[in-house]
Protein backbone atom coordinates (compact mmCIF):
# COMPACT_ATOMS: atom_id res chain seq x y z
CA MET A 1 15.09 -2.61 212.62
CA VAL A 2 16.62 0.90 212.10
CA HIS A 3 14.52 2.94 210.06
CA SER A 4 15.12 6.61 209.22
CA ALA A 5 13.98 9.44 211.12
CA LEU A 6 11.47 10.51 208.64
CA LEU A 7 9.77 6.94 208.50
CA ASN A 8 9.70 6.83 212.30
CA VAL A 9 7.62 9.99 212.04
CA MET A 10 5.21 8.32 209.59
CA MET A 11 5.20 4.96 211.73
CA ALA A 12 4.44 7.33 214.83
CA ALA A 13 1.63 9.41 213.04
CA ALA A 14 -0.05 5.94 211.47
CA ARG A 15 -0.14 4.44 215.25
CA LYS A 16 -1.48 7.66 216.78
CA ALA A 17 -4.23 7.96 214.55
CA GLY A 18 -4.90 4.42 214.11
CA ARG A 19 -5.32 3.96 218.11
CA ALA A 20 -8.34 6.27 217.70
CA LEU A 21 -9.41 4.40 214.55
CA LYS A 22 -9.38 1.44 216.53
CA ARG A 23 -11.64 2.73 219.22
CA ASP A 24 -13.95 3.89 216.27
CA PHE A 25 -14.00 0.50 214.72
CA GLY A 26 -15.26 -0.94 217.98
CA GLU A 27 -18.11 1.74 218.27
CA VAL A 28 -19.14 0.84 214.47
CA GLU A 29 -19.55 -2.82 215.23
CA LYS A 30 -22.00 -1.92 217.88
CA LEU A 31 -23.69 0.67 215.89
CA GLN A 32 -24.59 -1.94 213.32
CA VAL A 33 -27.32 -3.20 215.09
CA SER A 34 -29.07 0.17 215.19
CA LEU A 35 -31.83 1.49 212.65
CA LYS A 36 -29.66 4.46 212.12
CA GLY A 37 -26.46 2.89 210.94
CA PRO A 38 -22.81 4.24 211.49
CA ALA A 39 -22.61 6.01 208.11
CA ASN A 40 -22.15 9.70 209.93
CA PHE A 41 -20.03 8.29 212.70
CA VAL A 42 -17.95 6.79 210.39
CA SER A 43 -17.09 9.88 208.17
CA ALA A 44 -16.34 11.84 211.27
CA ALA A 45 -13.96 9.02 212.25
CA ASP A 46 -12.25 9.39 209.05
CA ARG A 47 -11.80 13.15 209.07
CA ARG A 48 -10.45 13.25 212.64
CA ALA A 49 -7.78 10.69 211.50
CA GLU A 50 -6.77 13.14 208.58
CA GLU A 51 -6.27 15.67 210.94
CA THR A 52 -4.42 13.61 213.49
CA LEU A 53 -2.30 12.51 210.76
CA TYR A 54 -1.81 16.07 209.45
CA SER A 55 -0.80 17.52 212.66
CA GLU A 56 1.66 14.69 213.48
CA LEU A 57 3.42 14.99 210.06
CA ALA A 58 3.24 18.69 210.05
CA LYS A 59 5.27 18.66 213.41
CA ALA A 60 7.96 16.99 212.39
CA ARG A 61 8.08 18.62 208.78
CA PRO A 62 6.35 21.75 208.53
CA ASN A 63 7.03 22.99 205.34
CA TYR A 64 6.24 19.86 203.45
CA GLY A 65 3.10 19.85 201.42
CA PHE A 66 0.14 17.68 202.13
CA LEU A 67 -2.72 15.82 199.93
CA GLY A 68 -5.29 13.93 201.98
CA GLU A 69 -8.52 12.24 200.73
CA GLU A 70 -10.58 14.32 202.65
CA GLY A 71 -8.89 17.58 203.06
CA GLY A 72 -7.18 17.75 199.35
CA THR A 73 -4.01 19.78 198.77
CA ARG A 74 -2.45 22.17 201.30
CA GLU A 75 0.51 23.58 199.86
CA GLY A 76 4.00 23.83 201.70
CA SER A 77 7.00 26.02 201.06
CA ASP A 78 8.71 23.09 200.58
CA ARG A 79 7.58 21.96 196.82
CA THR A 80 10.06 19.40 196.59
CA HIS A 81 8.29 17.11 199.34
CA ARG A 82 4.90 15.86 199.50
CA TRP A 83 2.69 13.61 202.20
CA ILE A 84 -0.03 11.55 200.31
CA VAL A 85 -2.37 10.42 202.64
CA ASP A 86 -5.66 8.08 203.19
CA PRO A 87 -6.65 8.25 206.59
CA LEU A 88 -8.86 5.25 206.16
CA ASP A 89 -8.49 3.11 203.06
CA GLY A 90 -11.60 0.75 203.21
CA THR A 91 -14.11 3.11 204.48
CA THR A 92 -16.90 0.31 203.35
CA ASN A 93 -15.45 -2.26 205.32
CA PHE A 94 -14.76 -0.24 208.22
CA LEU A 95 -18.79 0.71 208.07
CA HIS A 96 -19.56 -2.82 208.15
CA GLY A 97 -17.47 -3.82 211.16
CA ILE A 98 -15.05 -5.64 208.75
CA PRO A 99 -11.45 -5.57 209.86
CA GLN A 100 -9.65 -5.11 206.14
CA PHE A 101 -9.08 -1.37 206.27
CA CYS A 102 -5.69 0.84 206.95
CA ILE A 103 -4.15 4.23 207.29
CA SER A 104 -1.72 4.65 204.22
CA ILE A 105 0.81 7.58 204.42
CA ALA A 106 3.56 8.01 201.80
CA LEU A 107 6.25 10.71 201.18
CA GLU A 108 6.70 11.93 197.60
CA ARG A 109 10.10 13.67 196.83
CA GLU A 110 10.76 15.47 193.73
CA GLY A 111 7.74 13.48 192.12
CA THR A 112 9.39 10.10 193.29
CA ILE A 113 7.63 8.29 196.09
CA ALA A 114 10.57 7.75 198.74
CA ALA A 115 8.96 6.07 201.85
CA GLY A 116 5.51 4.62 202.36
CA VAL A 117 3.63 3.27 205.55
CA VAL A 118 0.19 1.15 205.35
CA TYR A 119 -0.92 0.20 208.74
CA ASN A 120 -4.03 -1.88 209.57
CA PRO A 121 -4.85 -1.06 213.30
CA ALA A 122 -7.29 -3.75 213.76
CA THR A 123 -4.88 -6.48 213.15
CA GLU A 124 -1.65 -4.18 214.29
CA GLU A 125 0.09 -4.87 210.93
CA MET A 126 2.62 -2.22 209.94
CA PHE A 127 3.93 -2.45 206.40
CA VAL A 128 7.07 -0.20 205.80
CA ALA A 129 9.24 0.65 203.13
CA GLU A 130 12.11 3.22 201.85
CA ARG A 131 13.48 3.70 198.60
CA GLY A 132 16.62 1.31 198.28
CA LYS A 133 16.24 -0.15 201.86
CA GLY A 134 13.83 -2.95 201.40
CA ALA A 135 10.12 -3.53 202.58
CA PHE A 136 9.16 -4.96 205.74
CA LEU A 137 5.96 -6.00 207.81
CA ASN A 138 6.50 -5.30 211.60
CA ASP A 139 10.42 -5.52 210.96
CA GLN A 140 10.42 -8.55 208.93
CA ARG A 141 11.63 -8.79 205.62
CA ILE A 142 8.86 -9.18 202.98
CA ARG A 143 9.01 -10.24 199.53
CA VAL A 144 6.65 -10.63 196.57
CA ALA A 145 5.50 -14.07 195.70
CA ALA A 146 7.75 -16.53 193.51
CA ARG A 147 5.06 -18.15 191.19
CA ARG A 148 5.41 -17.79 187.68
CA ARG A 149 2.05 -18.98 186.20
CA LEU A 150 -1.22 -17.40 186.41
CA LEU A 151 -3.02 -20.57 186.74
CA ASP A 152 -1.45 -20.74 189.90
CA ALA A 153 -1.91 -17.28 191.11
CA VAL A 154 -4.76 -15.89 193.49
CA VAL A 155 -4.92 -12.08 192.14
CA ALA A 156 -6.87 -9.15 193.90
CA CYS A 157 -9.16 -6.62 192.02
CA GLY A 158 -11.05 -3.81 192.39
CA LEU A 159 -14.68 -3.25 191.03
CA PRO A 160 -16.28 0.14 190.31
CA HIS A 161 -19.62 0.68 191.90
CA TYR A 162 -22.67 0.84 189.84
CA GLY A 163 -23.52 4.37 188.25
CA ARG A 164 -19.63 5.05 187.81
CA PRO A 165 -17.28 4.93 184.68
CA GLY A 166 -15.73 1.73 183.89
CA ILE A 167 -18.37 -0.78 184.60
CA ALA A 168 -18.13 -2.60 181.07
CA LEU A 169 -14.46 -2.64 181.38
CA ALA A 170 -14.23 -4.21 184.53
CA HIS A 171 -16.99 -7.07 183.71
CA LYS A 172 -14.47 -7.95 180.77
CA GLU A 173 -11.27 -7.91 182.93
CA THR A 174 -12.45 -9.98 185.58
CA ALA A 175 -13.83 -12.37 183.42
CA ALA A 176 -10.90 -12.55 181.56
CA VAL A 177 -8.83 -12.69 184.54
CA GLN A 178 -10.85 -14.76 186.46
CA SER A 179 -10.70 -17.72 183.66
CA ARG A 180 -6.68 -17.69 183.84
CA VAL A 181 -5.99 -17.58 187.64
CA ALA A 182 -6.62 -19.86 190.69
CA GLY A 183 -8.40 -17.50 192.53
CA LEU A 184 -9.80 -13.97 192.00
CA ARG A 185 -10.72 -11.63 195.02
CA ARG A 186 -11.81 -8.23 196.11
CA PHE A 187 -10.97 -6.83 199.62
CA GLY A 188 -12.01 -3.55 199.12
CA ALA A 189 -9.17 -1.39 200.36
CA ALA A 190 -6.39 -0.67 197.76
CA ALA A 191 -3.58 0.02 200.24
CA LEU A 192 -3.52 -3.07 201.75
CA ASP A 193 -3.94 -5.16 198.20
CA LEU A 194 -0.81 -3.85 197.48
CA ALA A 195 0.65 -4.39 200.87
CA TRP A 196 -0.29 -7.75 200.44
CA VAL A 197 0.98 -8.12 197.17
CA ALA A 198 4.71 -7.00 198.71
CA ALA A 199 4.28 -9.64 201.50
CA GLY A 200 3.71 -12.40 198.98
CA ARG A 201 0.04 -12.88 200.17
CA LEU A 202 -1.34 -12.18 197.05
CA ASP A 203 0.17 -12.72 193.69
CA ALA A 204 -1.13 -9.64 191.61
CA TYR A 205 -3.52 -6.85 191.88
CA TRP A 206 -4.88 -4.33 189.62
CA GLU A 207 -7.69 -1.66 189.84
CA ARG A 208 -8.66 1.31 187.97
CA GLU A 209 -10.63 4.61 189.04
CA ILE A 210 -8.43 5.15 192.28
CA LYS A 211 -6.61 8.02 193.50
CA PRO A 212 -2.87 8.88 194.46
CA TRP A 213 -3.73 8.37 198.20
CA ASP A 214 -5.05 4.83 197.53
CA MET A 215 -2.00 3.59 195.87
CA ALA A 216 1.25 5.75 196.55
CA ALA A 217 2.62 4.03 199.58
CA GLY A 218 1.78 0.76 197.81
CA ILE A 219 3.68 1.45 195.13
CA ILE A 220 6.85 1.77 197.05
CA LEU A 221 6.01 -1.33 199.22
CA VAL A 222 5.78 -3.56 196.12
CA ARG A 223 9.02 -2.28 194.34
CA GLU A 224 10.88 -2.64 197.79
CA ALA A 225 9.72 -6.19 197.87
CA GLY A 226 11.12 -7.15 194.33
CA GLY A 227 7.90 -6.53 192.60
CA PHE A 228 6.69 -4.37 189.53
CA VAL A 229 4.22 -1.56 189.34
CA SER A 230 2.79 0.04 186.56
CA ASP A 231 -0.35 1.54 185.15
CA CYS A 232 -2.66 -0.85 183.38
CA ASP A 233 -1.23 0.03 179.90
CA GLY A 234 2.26 -0.69 181.16
CA GLY A 235 3.60 2.85 181.69
CA GLN A 236 4.26 4.92 184.93
CA ALA A 237 1.25 7.23 185.19
CA MET A 238 -0.57 5.79 187.71
CA PHE A 239 -1.64 8.70 189.25
CA ALA A 240 -2.52 10.52 186.01
CA LYS A 241 -4.59 7.80 184.76
CA GLY A 242 -6.10 6.73 187.98
CA HIS A 243 -5.16 2.84 187.44
CA ILE A 244 -2.43 0.57 188.43
CA ALA A 245 -1.20 -3.28 188.35
CA ALA A 246 1.08 -5.00 190.60
CA GLY A 247 3.09 -8.39 190.75
CA ASN A 248 6.22 -10.15 190.54
CA GLU A 249 8.13 -9.71 187.22
CA THR A 250 6.46 -12.46 185.31
CA LEU A 251 2.86 -12.12 186.46
CA HIS A 252 2.92 -8.48 186.55
CA ARG A 253 3.28 -8.95 182.40
CA GLU A 254 1.21 -11.62 182.16
CA LEU A 255 -1.76 -9.72 183.87
CA LEU A 256 -1.19 -6.71 181.54
CA ARG A 257 -1.35 -9.26 178.52
CA VAL A 258 -4.58 -10.35 179.88
CA LEU A 259 -6.17 -6.94 180.57
CA ARG A 260 -4.74 -5.53 177.00
CA ALA A 261 -6.79 -8.22 175.41
CA ALA A 262 -9.85 -7.66 177.54
CA ALA A 263 -9.66 -3.97 176.86
CA ALA A 264 -9.33 -4.78 173.20
CA SER A 265 -12.34 -7.50 173.03
């Protein structure tokens, strides 16, 4: 599969950071048996991964802006382009030796996501998409699932930690969705949830209280795989509102209907 020069840069950066994360993940699995635990080790791995990504992306496009989970905003002289990066999405999974985590890189051009990469170093699955060119998993074209009934669907969600906003609404929404679907899942890595919707493994997904770096790459993956993405109100303010819903055209619409009804109850 022939990709653009920019997407190749993004993939190479993800692989380089991913090699270190994979080594660190092996160490985390050993640290699980220690009394101290791996928390400090993981936070250091997270920061190292972001610096690797920043360095590799800046080498290719030194003028682009950069928004990362760890380092925040780094302004570039080119105000029309920005990298949006999560160096380790699924940190809690990583912390516990669960191989459901990823690196997420998106390129934003004039406010629109133009390309995205979601890479799981543990499984070596590389999900990529460019605007107008389709979505791929390890160079194989992917499409959203074709199911048309929520009753047949497996849907993923996110759940806020106790003590954070949105617990009451989350309880209402999960109860409403769970009663209408074949299965409800909570995997703990938003970017991978979106990538799995794009690949047809999940039929739909929603989550609240998340950040741009959690969803930016996943948005273009789903759209280029033929799916629909919006905020949970059906608009396009995902970054501003901090919530997202995704699926094929029918299930996206049905999921939004259920969420609206739950919020109003």
